[in-house]
Protein backbone atom coordinates (compact mmCIF):
# COMPACT_ATOMS: atom_id res chain seq x y z
CA MET A 1 30.12 55.42 22.69
CA THR A 2 33.81 56.17 22.95
CA THR A 3 34.50 58.04 19.71
CA THR A 4 35.84 61.56 20.28
CA PRO A 5 33.65 64.20 18.63
CA LYS A 6 35.19 65.75 15.50
CA LEU A 7 34.25 68.95 13.73
CA HIS A 8 34.51 67.47 10.24
CA SER A 9 33.10 64.19 9.01
CA ASP A 10 34.61 61.81 6.49
CA ASP A 11 31.53 59.58 6.81
CA PRO A 12 30.56 58.34 3.31
CA PHE A 13 26.88 58.24 4.33
CA GLN A 14 26.89 61.96 5.13
CA LEU A 15 29.05 62.83 2.14
CA THR A 16 26.57 61.05 -0.15
CA LEU A 17 23.70 63.10 1.25
CA ASP A 18 25.70 66.31 0.79
CA LYS A 19 26.39 65.41 -2.83
CA ILE A 20 22.75 64.58 -3.59
CA MET A 21 21.44 67.81 -2.06
CA ASP A 22 24.02 69.87 -3.95
CA LEU A 23 22.79 68.34 -7.22
CA LYS A 24 19.18 69.51 -6.94
CA PRO A 25 18.37 70.41 -10.59
CA LEU A 26 17.35 74.02 -10.02
CA ASP A 27 17.80 74.93 -13.68
CA SER A 28 15.41 72.16 -14.75
CA ILE A 29 12.89 73.21 -12.10
CA GLU A 30 13.07 76.81 -13.33
CA ARG A 31 12.48 75.86 -16.97
CA LEU A 32 9.47 73.71 -16.08
CA MET A 33 8.08 76.41 -13.79
CA THR A 34 8.28 78.88 -16.68
CA LEU A 35 6.32 76.49 -18.88
CA LEU A 36 3.71 75.25 -16.40
CA LEU A 37 2.98 78.12 -14.01
CA PRO A 38 0.99 80.28 -16.48
CA GLN A 39 -1.52 77.41 -16.85
CA ALA A 40 -1.63 76.42 -13.15
CA ASP A 41 -4.03 77.51 -10.41
CA GLU A 42 -2.95 78.64 -6.95
CA ILE A 43 -4.30 76.39 -4.20
CA VAL A 44 -4.91 76.73 -0.45
CA ALA A 45 -1.71 75.66 1.28
CA ARG A 46 -3.37 74.52 4.51
CA ARG A 47 -5.31 71.69 2.86
CA PRO A 48 -3.67 68.28 2.29
CA ARG A 49 -3.68 67.29 -1.38
CA SER A 50 -3.75 63.97 -3.20
CA PHE A 51 -1.74 63.28 -6.34
CA HIS A 52 -4.53 61.27 -7.92
CA LYS A 53 -7.95 62.13 -6.48
CA ASN A 54 -9.40 63.35 -9.77
CA GLY A 55 -6.65 62.19 -12.08
CA PRO A 56 -2.91 62.97 -11.87
CA GLU A 57 -1.93 66.48 -10.74
CA ILE A 58 1.38 68.34 -10.78
CA TYR A 59 2.25 70.65 -7.88
CA LEU A 60 4.52 73.66 -8.32
CA LEU A 61 5.99 74.93 -5.06
CA LYS A 62 7.25 78.53 -5.37
CA GLU A 63 7.64 79.34 -1.66
CA GLY A 64 7.66 77.29 1.53
CA HIS A 65 7.91 73.57 2.29
CA PHE A 66 5.94 70.41 1.68
CA TRP A 67 5.75 67.02 3.36
CA LEU A 68 4.96 63.77 1.53
CA HIS A 69 2.94 61.28 3.61
CA ARG A 70 2.00 57.64 3.15
CA ARG A 71 -1.78 57.46 3.30
CA VAL A 72 -2.15 54.09 5.01
CA ASP A 73 -0.45 55.21 8.25
CA ASP A 74 0.35 58.94 7.74
CA LEU A 75 4.10 58.24 7.89
CA GLN A 76 6.08 61.26 6.69
CA MET A 77 8.21 59.94 3.84
CA SER A 78 10.06 63.07 2.75
CA MET A 79 10.18 66.83 2.97
CA ALA A 80 11.35 69.42 0.46
CA LYS A 81 11.62 73.18 0.16
CA ALA A 82 10.86 75.55 -2.69
CA PRO A 83 11.43 75.78 -5.51
CA HIS A 84 10.23 72.29 -6.29
CA ILE A 85 7.95 70.32 -8.61
CA PHE A 86 6.35 67.05 -7.60
CA GLY A 87 3.76 64.65 -8.95
CA LEU A 88 5.80 63.91 -12.08
CA ALA A 89 6.10 60.17 -11.37
CA GLU A 90 2.33 59.85 -11.00
CA LEU A 91 1.97 61.72 -14.28
CA LEU A 92 4.03 59.09 -16.11
CA ILE A 93 2.99 55.90 -14.28
CA PRO A 94 -0.15 56.39 -12.16
CA VAL A 95 -0.30 54.02 -9.18
CA GLY A 96 -3.32 55.48 -7.40
CA ASP A 97 -4.12 57.39 -4.26
CA THR A 98 -1.39 55.99 -1.97
CA THR A 99 0.23 59.23 -0.80
CA TYR A 100 -0.75 62.81 -0.03
CA VAL A 101 1.07 66.09 0.57
CA LYS A 102 0.90 68.77 3.23
CA PHE A 103 2.25 72.29 2.86
CA ALA A 104 3.64 74.78 5.35
CA ALA A 105 1.03 77.46 6.06
CA ASP A 106 3.08 80.18 4.38
CA SER A 107 3.68 78.19 1.19
CA GLU A 108 2.85 79.45 -2.29
CA VAL A 109 1.82 76.44 -4.34
CA TYR A 110 0.05 75.86 -7.65
CA ALA A 111 -1.67 72.82 -9.16
CA LEU A 112 -1.95 71.71 -12.77
CA SER A 113 -3.78 68.69 -14.17
CA GLY A 114 -1.62 65.89 -15.47
CA ALA A 115 -3.32 66.01 -18.86
CA LYS A 116 -2.58 69.71 -19.28
CA ALA A 117 1.03 69.24 -18.14
CA GLN A 118 1.55 66.43 -20.64
CA ALA A 119 0.12 68.52 -23.46
CA LEU A 120 2.41 71.45 -22.64
CA LEU A 121 5.46 69.19 -22.42
CA ASN A 122 4.63 67.51 -25.72
CA GLU A 123 4.68 70.96 -27.35
CA GLN A 124 8.27 71.38 -26.11
CA PRO A 125 9.59 67.78 -26.02
CA ALA A 126 13.13 68.85 -25.11
CA LEU A 127 11.80 69.68 -21.63
CA TRP A 128 11.09 66.01 -20.94
CA GLN A 129 14.81 65.79 -20.18
CA ASP A 130 14.23 68.24 -17.32
CA VAL A 131 11.44 65.99 -16.05
CA SER A 132 13.90 63.09 -16.10
CA ARG A 133 16.49 65.06 -14.13
CA ILE A 134 13.98 65.94 -11.40
CA LEU A 135 12.84 62.32 -11.16
CA ALA A 136 16.48 61.19 -10.96
CA PHE A 137 17.04 63.59 -8.07
CA HIS A 138 13.98 62.17 -6.28
CA LEU A 139 15.25 58.62 -6.89
CA HIS A 140 18.71 59.36 -5.49
CA PHE A 141 17.26 60.91 -2.35
CA SER A 142 14.79 58.04 -1.87
CA THR A 143 17.61 55.51 -2.22
CA TRP A 144 19.68 57.37 0.38
CA ARG A 145 16.69 57.52 2.74
CA ASP A 146 16.08 53.79 2.42
CA LEU A 147 19.70 53.02 3.32
CA HIS A 148 19.08 54.08 6.91
CA LEU A 149 15.44 52.99 7.14
CA LEU A 150 15.72 49.42 5.81
CA ASN A 151 17.70 47.94 8.69
CA ASP A 152 17.18 46.59 12.20
CA ASN A 153 19.48 49.09 13.90
CA ALA A 154 17.61 51.93 15.60
CA TYR A 155 20.74 54.07 15.87
CA ASP A 156 21.37 53.92 12.10
CA THR A 157 17.82 55.13 11.50
CA ILE A 158 18.09 57.95 14.05
CA ARG A 159 21.49 58.95 12.73
CA GLY A 160 20.16 59.18 9.18
CA LYS A 161 17.19 61.26 10.28
CA LEU A 162 19.44 63.67 12.18
CA LEU A 163 21.57 64.20 9.07
CA GLU A 164 18.38 64.72 7.07
CA LEU A 165 16.99 67.24 9.57
CA GLU A 166 20.27 69.17 9.57
CA LYS A 167 19.83 69.82 5.83
CA HIS A 168 16.58 71.72 6.34
CA ASP A 169 16.35 75.47 6.82
CA GLU A 170 17.07 76.91 10.25
CA SER A 171 13.51 78.25 10.46
CA LEU A 172 12.12 74.75 10.07
CA ARG A 173 14.56 73.25 12.58
CA LYS A 174 13.51 75.89 15.11
CA SER A 175 9.85 74.92 14.72
CA THR A 176 10.31 71.13 14.88
CA THR A 177 11.74 69.10 17.75
CA ILE A 178 14.11 66.26 17.00
CA LEU A 179 11.75 63.84 18.72
CA ASN A 180 8.71 64.86 16.68
CA TYR A 181 10.67 64.79 13.42
CA ILE A 182 11.91 61.24 14.00
CA LEU A 183 8.56 60.03 15.36
CA GLY A 184 6.84 61.36 12.25
CA THR A 185 9.26 59.80 9.78
CA THR A 186 9.98 56.39 11.34
CA LYS A 187 8.29 53.61 13.30
CA LEU A 188 10.70 53.90 16.25
CA SER A 189 9.33 54.20 19.77
CA ARG A 190 9.49 57.42 21.75
CA SER A 191 11.61 55.81 24.48
CA THR A 192 14.20 54.50 22.01
CA ILE A 193 14.59 57.90 20.35
CA LEU A 194 14.89 59.73 23.68
CA ARG A 195 17.49 57.26 24.98
CA VAL A 196 19.71 57.64 21.92
CA MET A 197 19.29 61.42 21.85
CA LYS A 198 20.28 61.72 25.52
CA ASN A 199 23.45 59.71 24.90
CA LEU A 200 24.34 61.82 21.86
CA THR A 201 23.82 65.15 23.61
CA ASP A 202 25.56 64.03 26.82
CA GLY A 203 28.50 62.79 24.74
CA GLY A 204 28.86 66.10 22.90
CA TYR A 205 27.98 64.64 19.53
CA LEU A 206 25.26 67.18 18.83
CA GLU A 207 23.88 70.39 20.27
CA ALA A 208 20.17 70.83 20.99
CA GLN A 209 18.08 73.45 22.76
CA ARG A 210 14.61 72.66 24.07
CA GLY A 211 14.66 69.50 22.00
CA LYS A 212 15.46 71.31 18.74
CA LEU A 213 18.58 70.66 16.70
CA ILE A 214 21.20 73.41 16.82
CA ARG A 215 24.25 71.66 15.37
CA ILE A 216 25.67 68.23 14.66
CA VAL A 217 29.27 68.03 15.85
CA HIS A 218 29.93 64.45 14.76
CA LEU A 219 27.77 61.35 14.66
CA PRO A 220 29.79 58.16 15.18
CA LEU A 221 29.22 55.28 12.80
CA ARG A 222 28.72 52.86 15.70
CA TYR A 223 26.62 53.19 18.83
């Protein structure tokens, strides 16, 4: 790699991620929390949960983080921090028990049956627009994620995951190594990830300490 590291990026891929994350519909989440929380039950954060074990469920995350996993191979598909609401897609179009969620140990999370959530929303139909906004946010992020996963270039995948990791809270970055994050969210080999990471750190493109991300200086488009 011969590109000189720069402090600011004009990379459209990174700018798109920035725009999506800035558009998280916090006002919609707050309105739905106000409606649904009084009827929800707090659950044990340490236990993985299914969206559809006993019928659709909605999860309301007030504090902490959650990870969405694909059940067939435990691949980590996405991560989000509070406040957040998830399970809405399964509420509208159930597809079965194909994914599950894990929560950070210090999370505060509540569960509500899909039937009860639908009944409450039908009493205040204007709030279905807030459901649509949250689902649109999920769709935009999933589309961005697939842009760097659905290709044959390992560097593009690693680059996308580094940008994704940078968006998480500092506390989470300090508790997760770059290697483990990418291993858990892709099908790349350990050796491939380590080789690319060594080249990036040696070239001054990112800063890491004990394998944990400190700062991205600039990630070149080509490797």
